[in-house]
PDB file of N, CA and C in Angstrom:
ATOM      1  N   MET A   1     -86.826 -10.856 -18.818  1.00  0.00           N
ATOM      2  CA  MET A   1     -88.262 -10.852 -18.658  1.00  0.00           C
ATOM      3  C   MET A   1     -88.697 -11.792 -17.536  1.00  0.00           C
ATOM      4  N   SER A   2     -87.797 -12.090 -16.648  1.00  0.00           N
ATOM      5  CA  SER A   2     -88.129 -13.021 -15.578  1.00  0.00           C
ATOM      6  C   SER A   2     -89.077 -12.416 -14.547  1.00  0.00           C
ATOM      7  N   ASN A   3     -89.133 -11.096 -14.448  1.00  0.00           N
ATOM      8  CA  ASN A   3     -90.031 -10.466 -13.487  1.00  0.00           C
ATOM      9  C   ASN A   3     -91.394 -10.128 -14.107  1.00  0.00           C
ATOM     10  N   PHE A   4     -91.688 -10.717 -15.255  1.00  0.00           N
ATOM     11  CA  PHE A   4     -92.956 -10.511 -15.935  1.00  0.00           C
ATOM     12  C   PHE A   4     -93.883 -11.684 -15.647  1.00  0.00           C
ATOM     13  N   THR A   5     -95.173 -11.412 -15.528  1.00  0.00           N
ATOM     14  CA  THR A   5     -96.151 -12.486 -15.408  1.00  0.00           C
ATOM     15  C   THR A   5     -96.328 -13.134 -16.786  1.00  0.00           C
ATOM     16  N   GLU A   6     -96.989 -14.269 -16.819  1.00  0.00           N
ATOM     17  CA  GLU A   6     -97.238 -14.946 -18.097  1.00  0.00           C
ATOM     18  C   GLU A   6     -98.042 -14.057 -19.049  1.00  0.00           C
ATOM     19  N   GLU A   7     -99.042 -13.369 -18.510  1.00  0.00           N
ATOM     20  CA  GLU A   7     -99.859 -12.479 -19.347  1.00  0.00           C
ATOM     21  C   GLU A   7     -99.020 -11.344 -19.913  1.00  0.00           C
ATOM     22  N   GLU A   8     -98.151 -10.772 -19.081  1.00  0.00           N
ATOM     23  CA  GLU A   8     -97.283  -9.683 -19.546  1.00  0.00           C
ATOM     24  C   GLU A   8     -96.331 -10.171 -20.633  1.00  0.00           C
ATOM     25  N   LYS A   9     -95.815 -11.383 -20.474  1.00  0.00           N
ATOM     26  CA  LYS A   9     -94.931 -11.956 -21.501  1.00  0.00           C
ATOM     27  C   LYS A   9     -95.678 -12.115 -22.817  1.00  0.00           C
ATOM     28  N   GLN A  10     -96.937 -12.573 -22.751  1.00  0.00           N
ATOM     29  CA  GLN A  10     -97.756 -12.729 -23.949  1.00  0.00           C
ATOM     30  C   GLN A  10     -97.962 -11.384 -24.645  1.00  0.00           C
ATOM     31  N   ILE A  11     -98.287 -10.378 -23.863  1.00  0.00           N
ATOM     32  CA  ILE A  11     -98.558  -9.045 -24.423  1.00  0.00           C
ATOM     33  C   ILE A  11     -97.304  -8.487 -25.089  1.00  0.00           C
ATOM     34  N   VAL A  12     -96.170  -8.542 -24.397  1.00  0.00           N
ATOM     35  CA  VAL A  12     -94.924  -7.992 -24.945  1.00  0.00           C
ATOM     36  C   VAL A  12     -94.515  -8.757 -26.209  1.00  0.00           C
ATOM     37  N   ALA A  13     -94.648 -10.077 -26.193  1.00  0.00           N
ATOM     38  CA  ALA A  13     -94.294 -10.873 -27.367  1.00  0.00           C
ATOM     39  C   ALA A  13     -95.174 -10.478 -28.561  1.00  0.00           C
ATOM     40  N   TYR A  14     -96.466 -10.320 -28.311  1.00  0.00           N
ATOM     41  CA  TYR A  14     -97.380  -9.914 -29.381  1.00  0.00           C
ATOM     42  C   TYR A  14     -97.006  -8.535 -29.919  1.00  0.00           C
ATOM     43  N   LEU A  15     -96.741  -7.587 -29.026  1.00  0.00           N
ATOM     44  CA  LEU A  15     -96.389  -6.237 -29.459  1.00  0.00           C
ATOM     45  C   LEU A  15     -95.075  -6.229 -30.233  1.00  0.00           C
ATOM     46  N   ARG A  16     -94.090  -6.989 -29.766  1.00  0.00           N
ATOM     47  CA  ARG A  16     -92.791  -7.061 -30.441  1.00  0.00           C
ATOM     48  C   ARG A  16     -92.961  -7.570 -31.871  1.00  0.00           C
ATOM     49  N   GLU A  17     -93.733  -8.638 -32.028  1.00  0.00           N
ATOM     50  CA  GLU A  17     -93.972  -9.203 -33.359  1.00  0.00           C
ATOM     51  C   GLU A  17     -94.750  -8.236 -34.251  1.00  0.00           C
ATOM     52  N   SER A  18     -95.745  -7.596 -33.681  1.00  0.00           N
ATOM     53  CA  SER A  18     -96.577  -6.676 -34.459  1.00  0.00           C
ATOM     54  C   SER A  18     -95.805  -5.448 -34.904  1.00  0.00           C
ATOM     55  N   VAL A  19     -94.952  -4.921 -34.031  1.00  0.00           N
ATOM     56  CA  VAL A  19     -94.156  -3.740 -34.392  1.00  0.00           C
ATOM     57  C   VAL A  19     -93.154  -4.108 -35.482  1.00  0.00           C
ATOM     58  N   ALA A  20     -92.594  -5.306 -35.413  1.00  0.00           N
ATOM     59  CA  ALA A  20     -91.668  -5.762 -36.451  1.00  0.00           C
ATOM     60  C   ALA A  20     -92.374  -5.864 -37.806  1.00  0.00           C
ATOM     61  N   ALA A  21     -93.675  -6.161 -37.777  1.00  0.00           N
ATOM     62  CA  ALA A  21     -94.461  -6.263 -39.005  1.00  0.00           C
ATOM     63  C   ALA A  21     -94.970  -4.905 -39.478  1.00  0.00           C
ATOM     64  N   GLY A  22     -94.708  -3.853 -38.718  1.00  0.00           N
ATOM     65  CA  GLY A  22     -95.064  -2.511 -39.149  1.00  0.00           C
ATOM     66  C   GLY A  22     -96.202  -1.849 -38.396  1.00  0.00           C
ATOM     67  N   GLU A  23     -96.923  -2.583 -37.555  1.00  0.00           N
ATOM     68  CA  GLU A  23     -98.010  -1.958 -36.799  1.00  0.00           C
ATOM     69  C   GLU A  23     -97.432  -1.112 -35.671  1.00  0.00           C
ATOM     70  N   ARG A  24     -98.094   0.009 -35.369  1.00  0.00           N
ATOM     71  CA  ARG A  24     -97.586   0.888 -34.324  1.00  0.00           C
ATOM     72  C   ARG A  24     -98.637   1.355 -33.326  1.00  0.00           C
ATOM     73  N   TYR A  25     -99.902   1.292 -33.680  1.00  0.00           N
ATOM     74  CA  TYR A  25    -100.961   1.778 -32.796  1.00  0.00           C
ATOM     75  C   TYR A  25    -101.900   0.630 -32.448  1.00  0.00           C
ATOM     76  N   PHE A  26    -102.228   0.527 -31.165  1.00  0.00           N
ATOM     77  CA  PHE A  26    -103.010  -0.609 -30.683  1.00  0.00           C
ATOM     78  C   PHE A  26    -104.060  -0.150 -29.690  1.00  0.00           C
ATOM     79  N   ARG A  27    -105.103  -0.933 -29.588  1.00  0.00           N
ATOM     80  CA  ARG A  27    -106.093  -0.790 -28.531  1.00  0.00           C
ATOM     81  C   ARG A  27    -106.071  -2.088 -27.747  1.00  0.00           C
ATOM     82  N   ALA A  28    -106.339  -2.001 -26.458  1.00  0.00           N
ATOM     83  CA  ALA A  28    -106.297  -3.175 -25.592  1.00  0.00           C
ATOM     84  C   ALA A  28    -107.221  -4.278 -26.117  1.00  0.00           C
ATOM     85  N   LYS A  29    -108.364  -3.901 -26.640  1.00  0.00           N
ATOM     86  CA  LYS A  29    -109.321  -4.886 -27.145  1.00  0.00           C
ATOM     87  C   LYS A  29    -108.723  -5.698 -28.281  1.00  0.00           C
ATOM     88  N   ASN A  30    -108.013  -5.048 -29.189  1.00  0.00           N
ATOM     89  CA  ASN A  30    -107.425  -5.749 -30.325  1.00  0.00           C
ATOM     90  C   ASN A  30    -106.294  -6.682 -29.885  1.00  0.00           C
ATOM     91  N   ILE A  31    -105.491  -6.240 -28.941  1.00  0.00           N
ATOM     92  CA  ILE A  31    -104.430  -7.087 -28.401  1.00  0.00           C
ATOM     93  C   ILE A  31    -105.059  -8.289 -27.708  1.00  0.00           C
ATOM     94  N   ALA A  32    -106.075  -8.035 -26.894  1.00  0.00           N
ATOM     95  CA  ALA A  32    -106.751  -9.100 -26.154  1.00  0.00           C
ATOM     96  C   ALA A  32    -107.347 -10.136 -27.095  1.00  0.00           C
ATOM     97  N   ASP A  33    -108.001  -9.680 -28.150  1.00  0.00           N
ATOM     98  CA  ASP A  33    -108.595 -10.611 -29.112  1.00  0.00           C
ATOM     99  C   ASP A  33    -107.526 -11.489 -29.765  1.00  0.00           C
ATOM    100  N   ALA A  34    -106.366 -10.921 -30.033  1.00  0.00           N
ATOM    101  CA  ALA A  34    -105.301 -11.652 -30.715  1.00  0.00           C
ATOM    102  C   ALA A  34    -104.635 -12.699 -29.831  1.00  0.00           C
ATOM    103  N   ILE A  35    -104.565 -12.452 -28.526  1.00  0.00           N
ATOM    104  CA  ILE A  35    -103.827 -13.379 -27.655  1.00  0.00           C
ATOM    105  C   ILE A  35    -104.705 -14.126 -26.660  1.00  0.00           C
ATOM    106  N   GLY A  36    -106.003 -13.908 -26.708  1.00  0.00           N
ATOM    107  CA  GLY A  36    -106.914 -14.693 -25.890  1.00  0.00           C
ATOM    108  C   GLY A  36    -107.070 -14.230 -24.450  1.00  0.00           C
ATOM    109  N   LEU A  37    -106.864 -12.958 -24.191  1.00  0.00           N
ATOM    110  CA  LEU A  37    -107.116 -12.386 -22.870  1.00  0.00           C
ATOM    111  C   LEU A  37    -108.295 -11.432 -22.983  1.00  0.00           C
ATOM    112  N   SER A  38    -108.751 -10.902 -21.862  1.00  0.00           N
ATOM    113  CA  SER A  38    -109.807  -9.897 -21.909  1.00  0.00           C
ATOM    114  C   SER A  38    -109.177  -8.516 -22.112  1.00  0.00           C
ATOM    115  N   ALA A  39    -109.970  -7.598 -22.623  1.00  0.00           N
ATOM    116  CA  ALA A  39    -109.479  -6.231 -22.823  1.00  0.00           C
ATOM    117  C   ALA A  39    -109.071  -5.616 -21.492  1.00  0.00           C
ATOM    118  N   LYS A  40    -109.782  -5.955 -20.437  1.00  0.00           N
ATOM    119  CA  LYS A  40    -109.448  -5.428 -19.114  1.00  0.00           C
ATOM    120  C   LYS A  40    -108.101  -5.968 -18.645  1.00  0.00           C
ATOM    121  N   GLN A  41    -107.835  -7.251 -18.870  1.00  0.00           N
ATOM    122  CA  GLN A  41    -106.548  -7.831 -18.482  1.00  0.00           C
ATOM    123  C   GLN A  41    -105.397  -7.113 -19.193  1.00  0.00           C
ATOM    124  N   VAL A  42    -105.580  -6.820 -20.452  1.00  0.00           N
ATOM    125  CA  VAL A  42    -104.539  -6.143 -21.224  1.00  0.00           C
ATOM    126  C   VAL A  42    -104.435  -4.682 -20.805  1.00  0.00           C
ATOM    127  N   GLY A  43    -105.569  -4.013 -20.704  1.00  0.00           N
ATOM    128  CA  GLY A  43    -105.580  -2.587 -20.374  1.00  0.00           C
ATOM    129  C   GLY A  43    -104.941  -2.264 -19.036  1.00  0.00           C
ATOM    130  N   VAL A  44    -105.108  -3.145 -18.067  1.00  0.00           N
ATOM    131  CA  VAL A  44    -104.517  -2.937 -16.746  1.00  0.00           C
ATOM    132  C   VAL A  44    -102.999  -3.100 -16.806  1.00  0.00           C
ATOM    133  N   ARG A  45    -102.522  -3.976 -17.665  1.00  0.00           N
ATOM    134  CA  ARG A  45    -101.097  -4.273 -17.719  1.00  0.00           C
ATOM    135  C   ARG A  45    -100.292  -3.318 -18.594  1.00  0.00           C
ATOM    136  N   LEU A  46    -100.899  -2.704 -19.582  1.00  0.00           N
ATOM    137  CA  LEU A  46    -100.147  -1.845 -20.496  1.00  0.00           C
ATOM    138  C   LEU A  46     -99.411  -0.689 -19.808  1.00  0.00           C
ATOM    139  N   PRO A  47    -100.026   0.033 -18.876  1.00  0.00           N
ATOM    140  CA  PRO A  47     -99.261   1.105 -18.209  1.00  0.00           C
ATOM    141  C   PRO A  47     -98.040   0.562 -17.442  1.00  0.00           C
ATOM    142  N   ARG A  48     -98.198  -0.604 -16.809  1.00  0.00           N
ATOM    143  CA  ARG A  48     -97.061  -1.210 -16.093  1.00  0.00           C
ATOM    144  C   ARG A  48     -95.989  -1.658 -17.066  1.00  0.00           C
ATOM    145  N   LEU A  49     -96.413  -2.218 -18.185  1.00  0.00           N
ATOM    146  CA  LEU A  49     -95.442  -2.658 -19.187  1.00  0.00           C
ATOM    147  C   LEU A  49     -94.704  -1.477 -19.809  1.00  0.00           C
ATOM    148  N   ALA A  50     -95.374  -0.336 -19.885  1.00  0.00           N
ATOM    149  CA  ALA A  50     -94.727   0.865 -20.411  1.00  0.00           C
ATOM    150  C   ALA A  50     -93.502   1.222 -19.573  1.00  0.00           C
ATOM    151  N   GLU A  51     -93.560   0.952 -18.284  1.00  0.00           N
ATOM    152  CA  GLU A  51     -92.444   1.241 -17.385  1.00  0.00           C
ATOM    153  C   GLU A  51     -91.425   0.115 -17.347  1.00  0.00           C
ATOM    154  N   LYS A  52     -91.875  -1.134 -17.482  1.00  0.00           N
ATOM    155  CA  LYS A  52     -91.018  -2.294 -17.277  1.00  0.00           C
ATOM    156  C   LYS A  52     -90.322  -2.818 -18.532  1.00  0.00           C
ATOM    157  N   SER A  53     -90.913  -2.660 -19.685  1.00  0.00           N
ATOM    158  CA  SER A  53     -90.433  -3.333 -20.885  1.00  0.00           C
ATOM    159  C   SER A  53     -89.228  -2.627 -21.506  1.00  0.00           C
ATOM    160  N   ASP A  54     -88.224  -3.433 -21.829  1.00  0.00           N
ATOM    161  CA  ASP A  54     -87.058  -2.928 -22.560  1.00  0.00           C
ATOM    162  C   ASP A  54     -87.145  -3.274 -24.043  1.00  0.00           C
ATOM    163  N   ASP A  55     -88.013  -4.229 -24.387  1.00  0.00           N
ATOM    164  CA  ASP A  55     -88.138  -4.697 -25.769  1.00  0.00           C
ATOM    165  C   ASP A  55     -88.865  -3.702 -26.661  1.00  0.00           C
ATOM    166  N   VAL A  56     -89.935  -3.140 -26.130  1.00  0.00           N
ATOM    167  CA  VAL A  56     -90.749  -2.192 -26.886  1.00  0.00           C
ATOM    168  C   VAL A  56     -91.057  -0.982 -26.010  1.00  0.00           C
ATOM    169  N   GLU A  57     -91.242   0.130 -26.663  1.00  0.00           N
ATOM    170  CA  GLU A  57     -91.616   1.360 -25.958  1.00  0.00           C
ATOM    171  C   GLU A  57     -93.119   1.546 -26.121  1.00  0.00           C
ATOM    172  N   ILE A  58     -93.824   1.629 -25.015  1.00  0.00           N
ATOM    173  CA  ILE A  58     -95.284   1.725 -25.020  1.00  0.00           C
ATOM    174  C   ILE A  58     -95.671   3.086 -24.468  1.00  0.00           C
ATOM    175  N   GLU A  59     -96.461   3.815 -25.252  1.00  0.00           N
ATOM    176  CA  GLU A  59     -96.840   5.178 -24.865  1.00  0.00           C
ATOM    177  C   GLU A  59     -98.342   5.366 -25.042  1.00  0.00           C
ATOM    178  N   LYS A  60     -98.969   5.914 -24.029  1.00  0.00           N
ATOM    179  CA  LYS A  60    -100.397   6.239 -24.133  1.00  0.00           C
ATOM    180  C   LYS A  60    -100.511   7.350 -25.159  1.00  0.00           C
ATOM    181  N   TRP A  61    -101.270   7.119 -26.208  1.00  0.00           N
ATOM    182  CA  TRP A  61    -101.242   8.021 -27.343  1.00  0.00           C
ATOM    183  C   TRP A  61    -102.499   8.866 -27.456  1.00  0.00           C
ATOM    184  N   GLY A  62    -103.638   8.272 -27.356  1.00  0.00           N
ATOM    185  CA  GLY A  62    -104.864   9.043 -27.510  1.00  0.00           C
ATOM    186  C   GLY A  62    -106.023   8.342 -26.849  1.00  0.00           C
ATOM    187  N   ARG A  63    -107.070   9.094 -26.598  1.00  0.00           N
ATOM    188  CA  ARG A  63    -108.239   8.502 -25.976  1.00  0.00           C
ATOM    189  C   ARG A  63    -109.479   9.050 -26.675  1.00  0.00           C
ATOM    190  N   ALA A  64    -110.146   8.189 -27.381  1.00  0.00           N
ATOM    191  CA  ALA A  64    -111.429   8.551 -27.983  1.00  0.00           C
ATOM    192  C   ALA A  64    -112.482   7.754 -27.224  1.00  0.00           C
ATOM    193  N   ARG A  65    -112.901   6.657 -27.806  1.00  0.00           N
ATOM    194  CA  ARG A  65    -113.803   5.761 -27.078  1.00  0.00           C
ATOM    195  C   ARG A  65    -113.008   4.842 -26.163  1.00  0.00           C
ATOM    196  N   SER A  66    -111.791   4.530 -26.574  1.00  0.00           N
ATOM    197  CA  SER A  66    -110.896   3.729 -25.743  1.00  0.00           C
ATOM    198  C   SER A  66    -109.472   4.228 -25.974  1.00  0.00           C
ATOM    199  N   THR A  67    -108.595   3.896 -25.082  1.00  0.00           N
ATOM    200  CA  THR A  67    -107.225   4.382 -25.169  1.00  0.00           C
ATOM    201  C   THR A  67    -106.489   3.715 -26.323  1.00  0.00           C
ATOM    202  N   THR A  68    -105.754   4.514 -27.063  1.00  0.00           N
ATOM    203  CA  THR A  68    -104.873   4.006 -28.109  1.00  0.00           C
ATOM    204  C   THR A  68    -103.456   4.059 -27.568  1.00  0.00           C
ATOM    205  N   TRP A  69    -102.695   3.016 -27.842  1.00  0.00           N
ATOM    206  CA  TRP A  69    -101.313   2.920 -27.377  1.00  0.00           C
ATOM    207  C   TRP A  69    -100.387   2.936 -28.580  1.00  0.00           C
ATOM    208  N   ARG A  70     -99.371   3.771 -28.538  1.00  0.00           N
ATOM    209  CA  ARG A  70     -98.351   3.815 -29.586  1.00  0.00           C
ATOM    210  C   ARG A  70     -97.200   2.947 -29.122  1.00  0.00           C
ATOM    211  N   VAL A  71     -96.798   2.018 -29.964  1.00  0.00           N
ATOM    212  CA  VAL A  71     -95.740   1.083 -29.618  1.00  0.00           C
ATOM    213  C   VAL A  71     -94.638   1.154 -30.665  1.00  0.00           C
ATOM    214  N   THR A  72     -93.405   1.306 -30.202  1.00  0.00           N
ATOM    215  CA  THR A  72     -92.242   1.322 -31.096  1.00  0.00           C
ATOM    216  C   THR A  72     -91.174   0.398 -30.530  1.00  0.00           C
ATOM    217  N   ARG A  73     -90.235   0.033 -31.367  1.00  0.00           N
ATOM    218  CA  ARG A  73     -89.122  -0.794 -30.907  1.00  0.00           C
ATOM    219  C   ARG A  73     -88.172   0.059 -30.105  1.00  0.00           C
ATOM    220  N   SER A  74     -87.622  -0.528 -29.057  1.00  0.00           N
ATOM    221  CA  SER A  74     -86.655   0.192 -28.221  1.00  0.00           C
ATOM    222  C   SER A  74     -85.268   0.077 -28.786  1.00  0.00           C
TER     223      SER A  74
END
């Protein structure tokens, strides 16, 4: 994870812990609230993390009022 920014490390760590606890669907706003970033900061990074992360698999799942992300362990 050396090529990750500090914010990306925070997001991946949060997702890894949450998936281990059984959560699988996330919105950027909820992730942001949990780790102290803005929803925009998280939302911009999630598509990049979907390509870069080996720890968790991040998939754009649905879009209603905001995008839902499905996260599973890799």
